[in-house]
Amino acid sequence: MKKVFDKHEFIKKNNEFLYHLLEDFIKTEVTEETFWIIYNFLKLNNFKSGEFEGNQYLIQKKNTEEVLIIDIVSEEFKSDFSQTRFAIGVDELMQLMEELRPSR
């Protein structure tokens, strides 16, 4: 069963700043050119680990069900990574990408 993204649960688990980071990730990295590359990277279950590096963010597969999104640009200037990375379910991220998909 696919897990549906719940903004309030995400904020409760993380915080509002990281929710805005998630929004920025989608606006920055999920473009018309990268949508299918990222989508297929997430969807393929035979890749249990791996990374996709965008312009500002890195998607790191923790397993087939969860990824870590890292603001690699911000991490260059910080020693505390609590506000530069967060975990999200693959199904949740794919749902958000589909909802906010760039127009063709």
Protein backbone atom coordinates (compact mmCIF):
# COMPACT_ATOMS: atom_id res chain seq x y z
CA MET A 1 0.00 0.00 0.00
CA LYS A 2 1.37 3.37 -1.03
CA LYS A 3 1.85 5.93 1.69
CA VAL A 4 0.19 9.25 0.90
CA PHE A 5 2.08 12.45 1.67
CA ASP A 6 0.68 14.36 4.63
CA LYS A 7 2.09 17.86 5.05
CA HIS A 8 1.13 18.07 8.73
CA GLU A 9 2.73 14.71 9.55
CA PHE A 10 5.89 15.74 7.71
CA ILE A 11 6.11 18.99 9.69
CA LYS A 12 5.37 17.15 12.94
CA LYS A 13 8.13 14.61 12.23
CA ASN A 14 10.62 17.21 10.96
CA ASN A 15 9.74 20.92 11.12
CA GLU A 16 8.31 23.67 8.95
CA PHE A 17 11.73 24.80 7.73
CA LEU A 18 12.41 21.32 6.32
CA TYR A 19 8.99 21.32 4.66
CA HIS A 20 10.02 24.51 2.85
CA LEU A 21 13.28 22.79 1.94
CA LEU A 22 11.22 19.95 0.41
CA GLU A 23 9.22 22.49 -1.60
CA ASP A 24 12.44 24.14 -2.76
CA PHE A 25 13.89 20.76 -3.74
CA ILE A 26 10.89 20.08 -5.97
CA LYS A 27 10.97 23.56 -7.53
CA THR A 28 14.74 23.48 -8.05
CA GLU A 29 15.43 19.90 -9.11
CA VAL A 30 12.22 18.53 -10.63
CA THR A 31 12.18 20.15 -14.04
CA GLU A 32 10.77 19.04 -17.36
CA GLU A 33 14.20 17.62 -18.22
CA THR A 34 14.82 15.78 -14.93
CA PHE A 35 11.35 14.57 -13.99
CA TRP A 36 11.61 11.11 -15.58
CA ILE A 37 15.23 10.61 -14.54
CA ILE A 38 14.38 11.22 -10.88
CA TYR A 39 11.06 9.37 -11.10
CA ASN A 40 12.68 6.24 -12.58
CA PHE A 41 15.53 6.39 -10.05
CA LEU A 42 12.95 6.35 -7.25
CA LYS A 43 10.64 3.79 -8.82
CA LEU A 44 13.18 1.08 -9.64
CA ASN A 45 13.14 -1.30 -6.70
CA ASN A 46 16.17 -3.21 -7.91
CA PHE A 47 18.27 -0.19 -6.88
CA LYS A 48 18.28 -0.49 -3.10
CA SER A 49 20.89 2.22 -2.76
CA GLY A 50 22.33 4.94 -4.92
CA GLU A 51 22.42 8.67 -5.40
CA PHE A 52 21.11 11.26 -7.78
CA GLU A 53 22.94 14.57 -7.66
CA GLY A 54 21.14 17.64 -8.91
CA ASN A 55 22.23 21.26 -8.98
CA GLN A 56 21.68 21.92 -5.27
CA TYR A 57 20.26 18.73 -3.81
CA LEU A 58 21.33 15.12 -3.53
CA ILE A 59 18.82 12.28 -3.35
CA GLN A 60 20.30 9.33 -1.50
CA LYS A 61 18.38 6.07 -1.44
CA LYS A 62 18.38 4.62 2.08
CA ASN A 63 16.45 1.55 0.85
CA THR A 64 13.67 0.83 -1.65
CA GLU A 65 11.09 2.66 0.48
CA GLU A 66 12.91 5.76 1.76
CA VAL A 67 15.28 8.44 0.51
CA LEU A 68 17.33 11.14 2.15
CA ILE A 69 17.26 14.56 0.50
CA ILE A 70 20.34 16.65 1.23
CA ASP A 71 20.92 20.33 0.47
CA ILE A 72 24.55 19.84 -0.55
CA VAL A 73 25.17 23.54 -1.19
CA SER A 74 24.11 24.53 2.34
CA GLU A 75 26.07 21.69 3.90
CA GLU A 76 29.29 23.20 2.58
CA PHE A 77 28.85 26.03 5.09
CA LYS A 78 27.39 24.21 8.12
CA SER A 79 28.52 21.68 10.67
CA ASP A 80 25.00 20.92 11.96
CA PHE A 81 23.11 19.03 9.25
CA SER A 82 19.77 18.87 11.10
CA GLN A 83 18.33 21.63 8.89
CA THR A 84 19.92 20.59 5.61
CA ARG A 85 18.63 17.02 5.20
CA PHE A 86 15.51 14.96 5.77
CA ALA A 87 14.11 11.54 5.00
CA ILE A 88 10.93 10.99 3.01
CA GLY A 89 9.17 7.90 1.72
CA VAL A 90 9.67 7.06 -1.95
CA ASP A 91 5.91 6.82 -2.53
CA GLU A 92 5.35 10.18 -0.85
CA LEU A 93 8.03 11.89 -2.93
CA MET A 94 6.74 10.35 -6.16
CA GLN A 95 3.22 11.55 -5.31
CA LEU A 96 4.47 15.11 -4.73
CA MET A 97 6.46 15.03 -7.94
CA GLU A 98 3.41 13.89 -9.91
CA GLU A 99 1.21 16.59 -8.32
CA LEU A 100 3.74 19.36 -8.92
CA ARG A 101 5.02 18.05 -12.23
CA PRO A 102 6.32 20.75 -14.55
CA SER A 103 4.02 21.41 -17.49
CA ARG A 104 5.03 19.79 -20.71
